[in-house]
Amino acid sequence: MKKPQKPCNKRNYGYGRQLRYAMCRALTLFYGDQDHFGTRRTHQYRVRIFARYCMRQGVVEARLISQSTLDSYGEYLKSRLQGEYVWRDGTTDKPISAPYAHNLISTANTALYAMRGNAKIEISALQALAPSRRYVREVPARADQHAVTQAVAKMVSKGDRRGAAVALLARNWGMRAQEATLQDLQRMHHEILTTGRAWILQGCKGGRQSADRWVSSTPARLEAIEFALQTRPIGSRCLLDKTETVKVFYQRELNRCRRVLRSFGVVSYRELRAAFAADVYQSITGVLPMSGVHVPRDLDKKARAEVARVLGHGRILVSSGYVGGY
């Protein structure tokens, strides 16, 4: 991410004449047009809702957005948590979930920071929405090793070996798809051979790198790394070719592999992370999460802390999204 430029006096701080376009352009310059593809794409998709809201309120220019504009935007999103929102002209906006509302507020704050170069006006999602953002998994992860093995074999038969490597890294190391794509495989392999564990470092969400995200190696994990090493392009330390971008890799190969996963009952790459988290939880408690077996509170808390650590999260509560609530 680049340091935001100081705002100028031109329309939309000089990022363009149309509000939504200006916000998207500011986000691109903020994150870099060659970096953080997934983050930029997500923010630019969500910022359209904020831009449309501002336009409907008569705020057609970013320099006119004030704290009261943000506060009213929070009230608008809060009302959509309860049901449909009907505008004065009869247009209806569908209800949204609390996590999505939090994400929309995060995008609005980020877009304004990118345009203004400061955070003098921002909105707190917790204060605006009242209900806290907390996704709790209600069903066990559906990504057993047999299904993953079959899906990987299908990918390999179709020539999508790198997509298969991403699936193996996600299932055995708990990596996100981007982490598996950008991970320095040579470094990880060397660390395994010398220390018996490896550090998940590259491609972390939001650029966050956890100093303690070391994961112990097992035969299956070592096999996944070795398969990925054999699959990587010549001269590359990761699964990307030196002339390739994450966006291109996702479009050309990884999206096809998602369909293969679904054909074997695995709904997404995130589901592979959830299955990995379940394995970690079971290794500490002796039982799978959401199995109906009582786990002592202290032991459950210890397992959840470990799940959060190896998945690269800073809060224990996030583990509920992978192994369910207590």
C-alpha atoms as a PDB file:
ATOM      1  CA  MET A   1       0.000   0.000   0.000  1.00  0.00           C
ATOM      2  CA  LYS A   2       1.154   3.490  -0.810  1.00  0.00           C
ATOM      3  CA  LYS A   3       0.891   6.474   1.482  1.00  0.00           C
ATOM      4  CA  PRO A   4      -2.188   8.495   0.428  1.00  0.00           C
ATOM      5  CA  GLN A   5      -1.467  11.750  -1.347  1.00  0.00           C
ATOM      6  CA  LYS A   6      -2.433  15.017   0.255  1.00  0.00           C
ATOM      7  CA  PRO A   7      -5.899  16.008  -0.973  1.00  0.00           C
ATOM      8  CA  CYS A   8      -6.109  18.736  -3.578  1.00  0.00           C
ATOM      9  CA  ASN A   9      -8.894  21.256  -4.173  1.00  0.00           C
ATOM     10  CA  LYS A  10     -10.042  19.745  -7.455  1.00  0.00           C
ATOM     11  CA  ARG A  11     -13.342  17.905  -7.831  1.00  0.00           C
ATOM     12  CA  ASN A  12     -13.245  14.542  -6.021  1.00  0.00           C
ATOM     13  CA  TYR A  13      -9.726  15.451  -4.859  1.00  0.00           C
ATOM     14  CA  GLY A  14      -8.494  15.153  -8.420  1.00  0.00           C
ATOM     15  CA  TYR A  15      -9.321  11.471  -8.905  1.00  0.00           C
ATOM     16  CA  GLY A  16     -12.010  12.004 -11.555  1.00  0.00           C
ATOM     17  CA  ARG A  17     -15.312  13.724 -12.228  1.00  0.00           C
ATOM     18  CA  GLN A  18     -17.637  10.823 -11.377  1.00  0.00           C
ATOM     19  CA  LEU A  19     -17.816   9.933  -7.676  1.00  0.00           C
ATOM     20  CA  ARG A  20     -17.706   6.155  -7.972  1.00  0.00           C
ATOM     21  CA  TYR A  21     -14.924   6.252 -10.580  1.00  0.00           C
ATOM     22  CA  ALA A  22     -12.911   8.621  -8.396  1.00  0.00           C
ATOM     23  CA  MET A  23     -13.247   6.325  -5.378  1.00  0.00           C
ATOM     24  CA  CYS A  24     -12.172   3.291  -7.392  1.00  0.00           C
ATOM     25  CA  ARG A  25      -9.197   5.147  -8.840  1.00  0.00           C
ATOM     26  CA  ALA A  26      -8.129   6.356  -5.394  1.00  0.00           C
ATOM     27  CA  LEU A  27      -8.252   2.768  -4.110  1.00  0.00           C
ATOM     28  CA  THR A  28      -6.159   1.572  -7.066  1.00  0.00           C
ATOM     29  CA  LEU A  29      -3.484   4.170  -6.425  1.00  0.00           C
ATOM     30  CA  PHE A  30      -3.603   3.501  -2.690  1.00  0.00           C
ATOM     31  CA  TYR A  31      -3.007  -0.254  -2.987  1.00  0.00           C
ATOM     32  CA  GLY A  32      -0.982  -0.164  -6.215  1.00  0.00           C
ATOM     33  CA  ASP A  33      -2.294  -1.283  -9.594  1.00  0.00           C
ATOM     34  CA  GLN A  34      -0.105  -4.401  -9.530  1.00  0.00           C
ATOM     35  CA  ASP A  35      -0.641  -5.402  -5.899  1.00  0.00           C
ATOM     36  CA  HIS A  36      -3.449  -6.563  -3.597  1.00  0.00           C
ATOM     37  CA  PHE A  37      -5.663  -7.568  -6.527  1.00  0.00           C
ATOM     38  CA  GLY A  38      -8.250  -9.338  -4.385  1.00  0.00           C
ATOM     39  CA  THR A  39      -8.462  -6.525  -1.838  1.00  0.00           C
ATOM     40  CA  ARG A  40      -8.789  -3.855  -4.528  1.00  0.00           C
ATOM     41  CA  ARG A  41     -11.416  -5.798  -6.444  1.00  0.00           C
ATOM     42  CA  THR A  42     -13.490  -6.342  -3.304  1.00  0.00           C
ATOM     43  CA  HIS A  43     -13.298  -2.707  -2.177  1.00  0.00           C
ATOM     44  CA  GLN A  44     -14.089  -1.407  -5.653  1.00  0.00           C
ATOM     45  CA  TYR A  45     -17.108  -3.688  -5.881  1.00  0.00           C
ATOM     46  CA  ARG A  46     -18.449  -2.614  -2.478  1.00  0.00           C
ATOM     47  CA  VAL A  47     -17.700   1.098  -2.842  1.00  0.00           C
ATOM     48  CA  ARG A  48     -20.415   1.395  -5.489  1.00  0.00           C
ATOM     49  CA  ILE A  49     -23.020   1.099  -2.704  1.00  0.00           C
ATOM     50  CA  PHE A  50     -21.457   3.966  -0.769  1.00  0.00           C
ATOM     51  CA  ALA A  51     -21.141   6.104  -3.899  1.00  0.00           C
ATOM     52  CA  ARG A  52     -24.753   5.433  -4.862  1.00  0.00           C
ATOM     53  CA  TYR A  53     -25.929   6.320  -1.355  1.00  0.00           C
ATOM     54  CA  CYS A  54     -24.037   9.612  -1.460  1.00  0.00           C
ATOM     55  CA  MET A  55     -25.552  10.458  -4.859  1.00  0.00           C
ATOM     56  CA  ARG A  56     -29.063   9.734  -3.577  1.00  0.00           C
ATOM     57  CA  GLN A  57     -28.422  12.076  -0.666  1.00  0.00           C
ATOM     58  CA  GLY A  58     -27.397  14.820  -3.062  1.00  0.00           C
ATOM     59  CA  VAL A  59     -23.696  14.475  -2.272  1.00  0.00           C
ATOM     60  CA  VAL A  60     -22.237  14.216  -5.762  1.00  0.00           C
ATOM     61  CA  GLU A  61     -18.689  15.208  -4.893  1.00  0.00           C
ATOM     62  CA  ALA A  62     -16.238  13.577  -2.476  1.00  0.00           C
ATOM     63  CA  ARG A  63     -15.183  16.910  -0.942  1.00  0.00           C
ATOM     64  CA  LEU A  64     -18.778  17.363   0.272  1.00  0.00           C
ATOM     65  CA  ILE A  65     -18.831  14.091   2.206  1.00  0.00           C
ATOM     66  CA  SER A  66     -18.940  14.926   5.903  1.00  0.00           C
ATOM     67  CA  GLN A  67     -19.141  13.062   9.184  1.00  0.00           C
ATOM     68  CA  SER A  68     -22.925  13.420   9.096  1.00  0.00           C
ATOM     69  CA  THR A  69     -22.937  11.751   5.667  1.00  0.00           C
ATOM     70  CA  LEU A  70     -21.074   8.786   7.105  1.00  0.00           C
ATOM     71  CA  ASP A  71     -23.309   8.627  10.163  1.00  0.00           C
ATOM     72  CA  SER A  72     -26.447   8.577   8.022  1.00  0.00           C
ATOM     73  CA  TYR A  73     -24.847   5.886   5.835  1.00  0.00           C
ATOM     74  CA  GLY A  74     -24.408   3.780   8.975  1.00  0.00           C
ATOM     75  CA  GLU A  75     -28.094   4.267   9.834  1.00  0.00           C
ATOM     76  CA  TYR A  76     -29.034   3.246   6.278  1.00  0.00           C
ATOM     77  CA  LEU A  77     -27.015   0.033   6.550  1.00  0.00           C
ATOM     78  CA  LYS A  78     -28.423  -0.693  10.000  1.00  0.00           C
ATOM     79  CA  SER A  79     -31.951  -0.440   8.632  1.00  0.00           C
ATOM     80  CA  ARG A  80     -31.069  -2.983   5.943  1.00  0.00           C
ATOM     81  CA  LEU A  81     -30.119  -5.450   8.664  1.00  0.00           C
ATOM     82  CA  GLN A  82     -33.777  -5.535   9.696  1.00  0.00           C
ATOM     83  CA  GLY A  83     -35.304  -5.915   6.251  1.00  0.00           C
ATOM     84  CA  GLU A  84     -35.781  -4.187   2.917  1.00  0.00           C
ATOM     85  CA  TYR A  85     -35.023  -0.473   2.644  1.00  0.00           C
ATOM     86  CA  VAL A  86     -37.467   1.534   0.543  1.00  0.00           C
ATOM     87  CA  TRP A  87     -36.339   4.845  -0.947  1.00  0.00           C
ATOM     88  CA  ARG A  88     -38.703   7.745  -1.483  1.00  0.00           C
ATOM     89  CA  ASP A  89     -38.990   6.938  -5.191  1.00  0.00           C
ATOM     90  CA  GLY A  90     -40.097   3.388  -4.381  1.00  0.00           C
ATOM     91  CA  THR A  91     -36.766   1.729  -5.171  1.00  0.00           C
ATOM     92  CA  THR A  92     -36.083  -1.158  -2.809  1.00  0.00           C
ATOM     93  CA  ASP A  93     -32.732  -2.347  -1.465  1.00  0.00           C
ATOM     94  CA  LYS A  94     -32.544  -5.934  -0.234  1.00  0.00           C
ATOM     95  CA  PRO A  95     -31.645  -6.875   3.358  1.00  0.00           C
ATOM     96  CA  ILE A  96     -27.986  -7.538   4.123  1.00  0.00           C
ATOM     97  CA  SER A  97     -26.127  -9.488   6.794  1.00  0.00           C
ATOM     98  CA  ALA A  98     -24.225  -7.938   9.695  1.00  0.00           C
ATOM     99  CA  PRO A  99     -20.809  -9.112   8.395  1.00  0.00           C
ATOM    100  CA  TYR A 100     -21.510  -7.562   4.980  1.00  0.00           C
ATOM    101  CA  ALA A 101     -22.630  -4.300   6.586  1.00  0.00           C
ATOM    102  CA  HIS A 102     -19.343  -4.204   8.524  1.00  0.00           C
ATOM    103  CA  ASN A 103     -17.452  -4.767   5.293  1.00  0.00           C
ATOM    104  CA  LEU A 104     -19.332  -1.954   3.548  1.00  0.00           C
ATOM    105  CA  ILE A 105     -18.402   0.457   6.330  1.00  0.00           C
ATOM    106  CA  SER A 106     -14.774  -0.679   6.173  1.00  0.00           C
ATOM    107  CA  THR A 107     -14.754   0.035   2.433  1.00  0.00           C
ATOM    108  CA  ALA A 108     -16.246   3.508   2.917  1.00  0.00           C
ATOM    109  CA  ASN A 109     -13.589   4.351   5.519  1.00  0.00           C
ATOM    110  CA  THR A 110     -10.801   3.007   3.314  1.00  0.00           C
ATOM    111  CA  ALA A 111     -11.997   4.863   0.218  1.00  0.00           C
ATOM    112  CA  LEU A 112     -12.206   8.168   2.072  1.00  0.00           C
ATOM    113  CA  TYR A 113      -8.787   7.639   3.629  1.00  0.00           C
ATOM    114  CA  ALA A 114      -7.324   6.924   0.184  1.00  0.00           C
ATOM    115  CA  MET A 115      -8.891  10.088  -1.244  1.00  0.00           C
ATOM    116  CA  ARG A 116      -8.386  12.489   1.679  1.00  0.00           C
ATOM    117  CA  GLY A 117      -5.031  11.248   2.949  1.00  0.00           C
ATOM    118  CA  ASN A 118      -6.301  11.281   6.527  1.00  0.00           C
ATOM    119  CA  ALA A 119      -8.884   9.659   8.776  1.00  0.00           C
ATOM    120  CA  LYS A 120     -10.433  12.822  10.191  1.00  0.00           C
ATOM    121  CA  ILE A 121     -13.867  11.546   9.234  1.00  0.00           C
ATOM    122  CA  GLU A 122     -14.698   7.873   9.656  1.00  0.00           C
ATOM    123  CA  ILE A 123     -17.425   5.686  11.054  1.00  0.00           C
ATOM    124  CA  SER A 124     -17.255   2.915  13.653  1.00  0.00           C
ATOM    125  CA  ALA A 125     -19.099  -0.171  12.468  1.00  0.00           C
ATOM    126  CA  LEU A 126     -19.647  -1.407  16.017  1.00  0.00           C
ATOM    127  CA  GLN A 127     -21.267   1.862  17.067  1.00  0.00           C
ATOM    128  CA  ALA A 128     -23.289   2.301  13.896  1.00  0.00           C
ATOM    129  CA  LEU A 129     -24.661  -1.218  13.547  1.00  0.00           C
ATOM    130  CA  ALA A 130     -25.021  -2.276  17.195  1.00  0.00           C
ATOM    131  CA  PRO A 131     -24.958  -6.049  16.511  1.00  0.00           C
ATOM    132  CA  SER A 132     -21.397  -7.301  16.568  1.00  0.00           C
ATOM    133  CA  ARG A 133     -19.858  -8.992  13.587  1.00  0.00           C
ATOM    134  CA  ARG A 134     -19.497 -12.610  14.453  1.00  0.00           C
ATOM    135  CA  TYR A 135     -19.881 -15.491  12.041  1.00  0.00           C
ATOM    136  CA  VAL A 136     -20.172 -18.836  13.795  1.00  0.00           C
ATOM    137  CA  ARG A 137     -19.939 -22.001  11.743  1.00  0.00           C
ATOM    138  CA  GLU A 138     -22.954 -24.218  12.317  1.00  0.00           C
ATOM    139  CA  VAL A 139     -21.988 -27.316  10.318  1.00  0.00           C
ATOM    140  CA  PRO A 140     -18.706 -29.269  10.287  1.00  0.00           C
ATOM    141  CA  ALA A 141     -16.306 -28.640   7.431  1.00  0.00           C
ATOM    142  CA  ARG A 142     -17.037 -30.789   4.386  1.00  0.00           C
ATOM    143  CA  ALA A 143     -13.591 -31.430   2.956  1.00  0.00           C
ATOM    144  CA  ASP A 144     -12.333 -34.827   4.081  1.00  0.00           C
ATOM    145  CA  GLN A 145      -9.022 -36.049   2.732  1.00  0.00           C
ATOM    146  CA  HIS A 146     -10.636 -38.650   0.442  1.00  0.00           C
ATOM    147  CA  ALA A 147     -12.745 -36.028  -1.350  1.00  0.00           C
ATOM    148  CA  VAL A 148      -9.760 -33.686  -1.656  1.00  0.00           C
ATOM    149  CA  THR A 149      -7.592 -36.487  -3.047  1.00  0.00           C
ATOM    150  CA  GLN A 150     -10.210 -37.244  -5.698  1.00  0.00           C
ATOM    151  CA  ALA A 151     -10.587 -33.564  -6.592  1.00  0.00           C
ATOM    152  CA  VAL A 152      -6.820 -33.117  -6.853  1.00  0.00           C
ATOM    153  CA  ALA A 153      -6.546 -36.168  -9.111  1.00  0.00           C
ATOM    154  CA  LYS A 154      -9.240 -34.695 -11.373  1.00  0.00           C
ATOM    155  CA  MET A 155      -7.411 -31.358 -11.543  1.00  0.00           C
ATOM    156  CA  VAL A 156      -4.136 -33.068 -12.423  1.00  0.00           C
ATOM    157  CA  SER A 157      -5.841 -35.111 -15.154  1.00  0.00           C
ATOM    158  CA  LYS A 158      -7.148 -31.857 -16.640  1.00  0.00           C
ATOM    159  CA  GLY A 159      -3.676 -30.298 -16.561  1.00  0.00           C
ATOM    160  CA  ASP A 160      -4.435 -27.927 -13.690  1.00  0.00           C
ATOM    161  CA  ARG A 161      -1.531 -29.016 -11.516  1.00  0.00           C
ATOM    162  CA  ARG A 162      -1.007 -25.617  -9.921  1.00  0.00           C
ATOM    163  CA  GLY A 163      -4.651 -25.442  -8.901  1.00  0.00           C
ATOM    164  CA  ALA A 164      -4.236 -28.896  -7.389  1.00  0.00           C
ATOM    165  CA  ALA A 165      -1.186 -27.649  -5.477  1.00  0.00           C
ATOM    166  CA  VAL A 166      -3.205 -24.735  -4.076  1.00  0.00           C
ATOM    167  CA  ALA A 167      -5.875 -27.191  -2.899  1.00  0.00           C
ATOM    168  CA  LEU A 168      -3.285 -29.385  -1.163  1.00  0.00           C
ATOM    169  CA  LEU A 169      -1.628 -26.412   0.527  1.00  0.00           C
ATOM    170  CA  ALA A 170      -4.988 -25.072   1.701  1.00  0.00           C
ATOM    171  CA  ARG A 171      -6.085 -28.434   3.081  1.00  0.00           C
ATOM    172  CA  ASN A 172      -2.807 -29.443   4.728  1.00  0.00           C
ATOM    173  CA  TRP A 173      -1.361 -26.076   5.759  1.00  0.00           C
ATOM    174  CA  GLY A 174      -4.495 -23.982   6.240  1.00  0.00           C
ATOM    175  CA  MET A 175      -3.401 -21.417   3.652  1.00  0.00           C
ATOM    176  CA  ARG A 176      -5.714 -19.026   1.888  1.00  0.00           C
ATOM    177  CA  ALA A 177      -5.718 -19.369  -1.899  1.00  0.00           C
ATOM    178  CA  GLN A 178      -3.547 -16.257  -2.276  1.00  0.00           C
ATOM    179  CA  GLU A 179      -1.120 -17.456   0.394  1.00  0.00           C
ATOM    180  CA  ALA A 180      -0.754 -20.798  -1.373  1.00  0.00           C
ATOM    181  CA  THR A 181      -0.240 -19.025  -4.695  1.00  0.00           C
ATOM    182  CA  LEU A 182       2.459 -16.629  -3.481  1.00  0.00           C
ATOM    183  CA  GLN A 183       4.202 -18.694  -0.785  1.00  0.00           C
ATOM    184  CA  ASP A 184       7.970 -19.081  -1.100  1.00  0.00           C
ATOM    185  CA  LEU A 185       8.017 -22.874  -1.475  1.00  0.00           C
ATOM    186  CA  GLN A 186      11.796 -23.191  -1.451  1.00  0.00           C
ATOM    187  CA  ARG A 187      12.034 -21.357   1.855  1.00  0.00           C
ATOM    188  CA  MET A 188       9.297 -23.487   3.406  1.00  0.00           C
ATOM    189  CA  HIS A 189      10.907 -26.708   2.226  1.00  0.00           C
ATOM    190  CA  HIS A 190      14.275 -25.654   3.654  1.00  0.00           C
ATOM    191  CA  GLU A 191      12.666 -24.736   6.988  1.00  0.00           C
ATOM    192  CA  ILE A 192      10.927 -28.114   7.167  1.00  0.00           C
ATOM    193  CA  LEU A 193      14.152 -30.004   6.532  1.00  0.00           C
ATOM    194  CA  THR A 194      16.103 -27.975   9.094  1.00  0.00           C
ATOM    195  CA  THR A 195      13.540 -27.282  11.829  1.00  0.00           C
ATOM    196  CA  GLY A 196      10.597 -29.594  11.198  1.00  0.00           C
ATOM    197  CA  ARG A 197       8.208 -26.684  10.733  1.00  0.00           C
ATOM    198  CA  ALA A 198       7.601 -23.803   8.309  1.00  0.00           C
ATOM    199  CA  TRP A 199       6.506 -20.176   8.466  1.00  0.00           C
ATOM    200  CA  ILE A 200       3.517 -19.036   6.388  1.00  0.00           C
ATOM    201  CA  LEU A 201       4.618 -15.584   5.317  1.00  0.00           C
ATOM    202  CA  GLN A 202       3.733 -14.456   1.778  1.00  0.00           C
ATOM    203  CA  GLY A 203       0.327 -13.404   0.466  1.00  0.00           C
ATOM    204  CA  CYS A 204      -1.295 -12.887   3.868  1.00  0.00           C
ATOM    205  CA  LYS A 205      -4.654 -11.098   3.979  1.00  0.00           C
ATOM    206  CA  GLY A 206      -4.254  -7.342   4.102  1.00  0.00           C
ATOM    207  CA  GLY A 207      -0.483  -7.790   4.121  1.00  0.00           C
ATOM    208  CA  ARG A 208      -0.635  -8.981   7.736  1.00  0.00           C
ATOM    209  CA  GLN A 209       2.314 -11.190   8.612  1.00  0.00           C
ATOM    210  CA  SER A 210       2.143 -13.117  11.871  1.00  0.00           C
ATOM    211  CA  ALA A 211       5.507 -13.607  13.534  1.00  0.00           C
ATOM    212  CA  ASP A 212       4.248 -16.764  15.233  1.00  0.00           C
ATOM    213  CA  ARG A 213       2.508 -18.439  12.289  1.00  0.00           C
ATOM    214  CA  TRP A 214       4.778 -21.445  12.302  1.00  0.00           C
ATOM    215  CA  VAL A 215       3.163 -24.787  11.427  1.00  0.00           C
ATOM    216  CA  SER A 216       4.759 -28.128  12.269  1.00  0.00           C
ATOM    217  CA  SER A 217       5.342 -30.474   9.371  1.00  0.00           C
ATOM    218  CA  THR A 218       3.699 -33.871   8.931  1.00  0.00           C
ATOM    219  CA  PRO A 219       4.149 -36.412   6.126  1.00  0.00           C
ATOM    220  CA  ALA A 220       1.035 -35.072   4.383  1.00  0.00           C
ATOM    221  CA  ARG A 221       2.182 -31.474   4.723  1.00  0.00           C
ATOM    222  CA  LEU A 222       5.659 -32.237   3.436  1.00  0.00           C
ATOM    223  CA  GLU A 223       4.123 -34.115   0.510  1.00  0.00           C
ATOM    224  CA  ALA A 224       1.960 -31.085  -0.320  1.00  0.00           C
ATOM    225  CA  ILE A 225       5.020 -28.805  -0.335  1.00  0.00           C
ATOM    226  CA  GLU A 226       7.004 -31.213  -2.505  1.00  0.00           C
ATOM    227  CA  PHE A 227       4.126 -31.519  -4.982  1.00  0.00           C
ATOM    228  CA  ALA A 228       3.898 -27.723  -5.184  1.00  0.00           C
ATOM    229  CA  LEU A 229       7.667 -27.493  -5.722  1.00  0.00           C
ATOM    230  CA  GLN A 230       7.431 -29.923  -8.617  1.00  0.00           C
ATOM    231  CA  THR A 231       4.503 -27.956 -10.044  1.00  0.00           C
ATOM    232  CA  ARG A 232       5.866 -24.388  -9.839  1.00  0.00           C
ATOM    233  CA  PRO A 233       7.019 -22.708 -13.061  1.00  0.00           C
ATOM    234  CA  ILE A 234      10.695 -22.984 -13.871  1.00  0.00           C
ATOM    235  CA  GLY A 235      12.731 -20.275 -12.172  1.00  0.00           C
ATOM    236  CA  SER A 236       9.950 -19.298  -9.763  1.00  0.00           C
ATOM    237  CA  ARG A 237       9.970 -19.749  -5.982  1.00  0.00           C
ATOM    238  CA  CYS A 238       6.162 -19.820  -5.847  1.00  0.00           C
ATOM    239  CA  LEU A 239       3.310 -21.129  -7.997  1.00  0.00           C
ATOM    240  CA  LEU A 240       3.211 -18.004 -10.154  1.00  0.00           C
ATOM    241  CA  ASP A 241       5.272 -17.542 -13.257  1.00  0.00           C
ATOM    242  CA  LYS A 242       7.531 -14.478 -13.087  1.00  0.00           C
ATOM    243  CA  THR A 243       5.496 -12.773 -15.845  1.00  0.00           C
ATOM    244  CA  GLU A 244       2.103 -13.751 -14.382  1.00  0.00           C
ATOM    245  CA  THR A 245      -0.188 -11.926 -11.978  1.00  0.00           C
ATOM    246  CA  VAL A 246      -2.425 -13.378  -9.293  1.00  0.00           C
ATOM    247  CA  LYS A 247      -5.447 -12.088 -11.195  1.00  0.00           C
ATOM    248  CA  VAL A 248      -4.471 -13.932 -14.369  1.00  0.00           C
ATOM    249  CA  PHE A 249      -3.752 -17.149 -12.477  1.00  0.00           C
ATOM    250  CA  TYR A 250      -7.146 -17.007 -10.755  1.00  0.00           C
ATOM    251  CA  GLN A 251      -8.962 -16.381 -14.039  1.00  0.00           C
ATOM    252  CA  ARG A 252      -7.132 -18.951 -16.129  1.00  0.00           C
ATOM    253  CA  GLU A 253      -6.776 -21.846 -13.711  1.00  0.00           C
ATOM    254  CA  LEU A 254      -7.988 -21.416 -10.162  1.00  0.00           C
ATOM    255  CA  ASN A 255     -11.598 -20.649 -11.069  1.00  0.00           C
ATOM    256  CA  ARG A 256     -11.782 -23.905 -13.032  1.00  0.00           C
ATOM    257  CA  CYS A 257     -10.441 -25.751 -10.019  1.00  0.00           C
ATOM    258  CA  ARG A 258     -13.122 -24.275  -7.773  1.00  0.00           C
ATOM    259  CA  ARG A 259     -15.722 -25.974  -9.948  1.00  0.00           C
ATOM    260  CA  VAL A 260     -13.866 -29.265  -9.614  1.00  0.00           C
ATOM    261  CA  LEU A 261     -13.847 -28.902  -5.831  1.00  0.00           C
ATOM    262  CA  ARG A 262     -17.589 -28.293  -5.790  1.00  0.00           C
ATOM    263  CA  SER A 263     -18.191 -31.384  -7.921  1.00  0.00           C
ATOM    264  CA  PHE A 264     -16.664 -33.434  -5.082  1.00  0.00           C
ATOM    265  CA  GLY A 265     -18.691 -31.710  -2.366  1.00  0.00           C
ATOM    266  CA  VAL A 266     -16.085 -29.125  -1.315  1.00  0.00           C
ATOM    267  CA  VAL A 267     -17.786 -25.758  -1.619  1.00  0.00           C
ATOM    268  CA  SER A 268     -14.679 -23.547  -1.691  1.00  0.00           C
ATOM    269  CA  TYR A 269     -10.985 -23.199  -0.912  1.00  0.00           C
ATOM    270  CA  ARG A 270     -12.030 -21.665   2.404  1.00  0.00           C
ATOM    271  CA  GLU A 271     -13.731 -24.940   3.245  1.00  0.00           C
ATOM    272  CA  LEU A 272     -10.313 -26.590   2.941  1.00  0.00           C
ATOM    273  CA  ARG A 273      -9.003 -24.139   5.551  1.00  0.00           C
ATOM    274  CA  ALA A 274     -11.926 -25.011   7.793  1.00  0.00           C
ATOM    275  CA  ALA A 275     -11.115 -28.713   7.486  1.00  0.00           C
ATOM    276  CA  PHE A 276      -7.495 -27.971   8.384  1.00  0.00           C
ATOM    277  CA  ALA A 277      -8.713 -25.987  11.408  1.00  0.00           C
ATOM    278  CA  ALA A 278     -10.856 -28.960  12.465  1.00  0.00           C
ATOM    279  CA  ASP A 279      -7.768 -31.180  12.320  1.00  0.00           C
ATOM    280  CA  VAL A 280      -5.845 -28.745  14.512  1.00  0.00           C
ATOM    281  CA  TYR A 281      -8.714 -28.592  17.004  1.00  0.00           C
ATOM    282  CA  GLN A 282      -8.958 -32.383  17.107  1.00  0.00           C
ATOM    283  CA  SER A 283      -5.191 -32.775  17.612  1.00  0.00           C
ATOM    284  CA  ILE A 284      -5.505 -30.819  20.879  1.00  0.00           C
ATOM    285  CA  THR A 285      -8.902 -31.895  22.219  1.00  0.00           C
ATOM    286  CA  GLY A 286      -9.084 -35.417  20.846  1.00  0.00           C
ATOM    287  CA  VAL A 287     -12.487 -34.793  19.251  1.00  0.00           C
ATOM    288  CA  LEU A 288     -13.685 -33.065  16.106  1.00  0.00           C
ATOM    289  CA  PRO A 289     -15.431 -29.706  16.563  1.00  0.00           C
ATOM    290  CA  MET A 290     -19.247 -29.719  16.505  1.00  0.00           C
ATOM    291  CA  SER A 291     -19.283 -33.471  17.158  1.00  0.00           C
ATOM    292  CA  GLY A 292     -21.548 -33.138  20.177  1.00  0.00           C
ATOM    293  CA  VAL A 293     -18.853 -34.358  22.572  1.00  0.00           C
ATOM    294  CA  HIS A 294     -18.259 -32.093  25.583  1.00  0.00           C
ATOM    295  CA  VAL A 295     -14.797 -30.504  25.712  1.00  0.00           C
ATOM    296  CA  PRO A 296     -13.570 -28.841  28.937  1.00  0.00           C
ATOM    297  CA  ARG A 297     -13.639 -25.085  28.617  1.00  0.00           C
ATOM    298  CA  ASP A 298      -9.909 -24.578  29.215  1.00  0.00           C
ATOM    299  CA  LEU A 299      -8.989 -27.205  26.631  1.00  0.00           C
ATOM    300  CA  ASP A 300     -11.465 -25.774  24.127  1.00  0.00           C
ATOM    301  CA  LYS A 301     -10.009 -22.288  24.601  1.00  0.00           C
ATOM    302  CA  LYS A 302      -6.479 -23.614  24.098  1.00  0.00           C
ATOM    303  CA  ALA A 303      -7.514 -25.354  20.872  1.00  0.00           C
ATOM    304  CA  ARG A 304      -9.255 -22.238  19.553  1.00  0.00           C
ATOM    305  CA  ALA A 305      -6.203 -20.105  20.277  1.00  0.00           C
ATOM    306  CA  GLU A 306      -4.061 -22.536  18.297  1.00  0.00           C
ATOM    307  CA  VAL A 307      -6.555 -22.541  15.405  1.00  0.00           C
ATOM    308  CA  ALA A 308      -6.485 -18.740  15.283  1.00  0.00           C
ATOM    309  CA  ARG A 309      -2.680 -18.701  15.383  1.00  0.00           C
ATOM    310  CA  VAL A 310      -2.023 -21.187  12.586  1.00  0.00           C
ATOM    311  CA  LEU A 311      -4.670 -19.584  10.370  1.00  0.00           C
ATOM    312  CA  GLY A 312      -3.051 -16.169  10.759  1.00  0.00           C
ATOM    313  CA  HIS A 313      -5.742 -14.431  12.807  1.00  0.00           C
ATOM    314  CA  GLY A 314      -5.045 -12.149  15.726  1.00  0.00           C
ATOM    315  CA  ARG A 315      -8.274 -12.856  17.616  1.00  0.00           C
ATOM    316  CA  ILE A 316      -9.419 -16.138  19.136  1.00  0.00           C
ATOM    317  CA  LEU A 317     -13.071 -15.323  18.383  1.00  0.00           C
ATOM    318  CA  VAL A 318     -12.394 -15.651  14.645  1.00  0.00           C
ATOM    319  CA  SER A 319     -11.856 -19.394  15.149  1.00  0.00           C
ATOM    320  CA  SER A 320     -15.640 -19.733  15.610  1.00  0.00           C
ATOM    321  CA  GLY A 321     -15.993 -19.213  11.886  1.00  0.00           C
ATOM    322  CA  TYR A 322     -13.999 -22.386  11.306  1.00  0.00           C
ATOM    323  CA  VAL A 323     -14.759 -24.741  14.220  1.00  0.00           C
ATOM    324  CA  GLY A 324     -18.118 -23.402  15.459  1.00  0.00           C
ATOM    325  CA  GLY A 325     -19.074 -21.906  18.806  1.00  0.00           C
ATOM    326  CA  TYR A 326     -18.500 -23.379  22.227  1.00  0.00           C
END
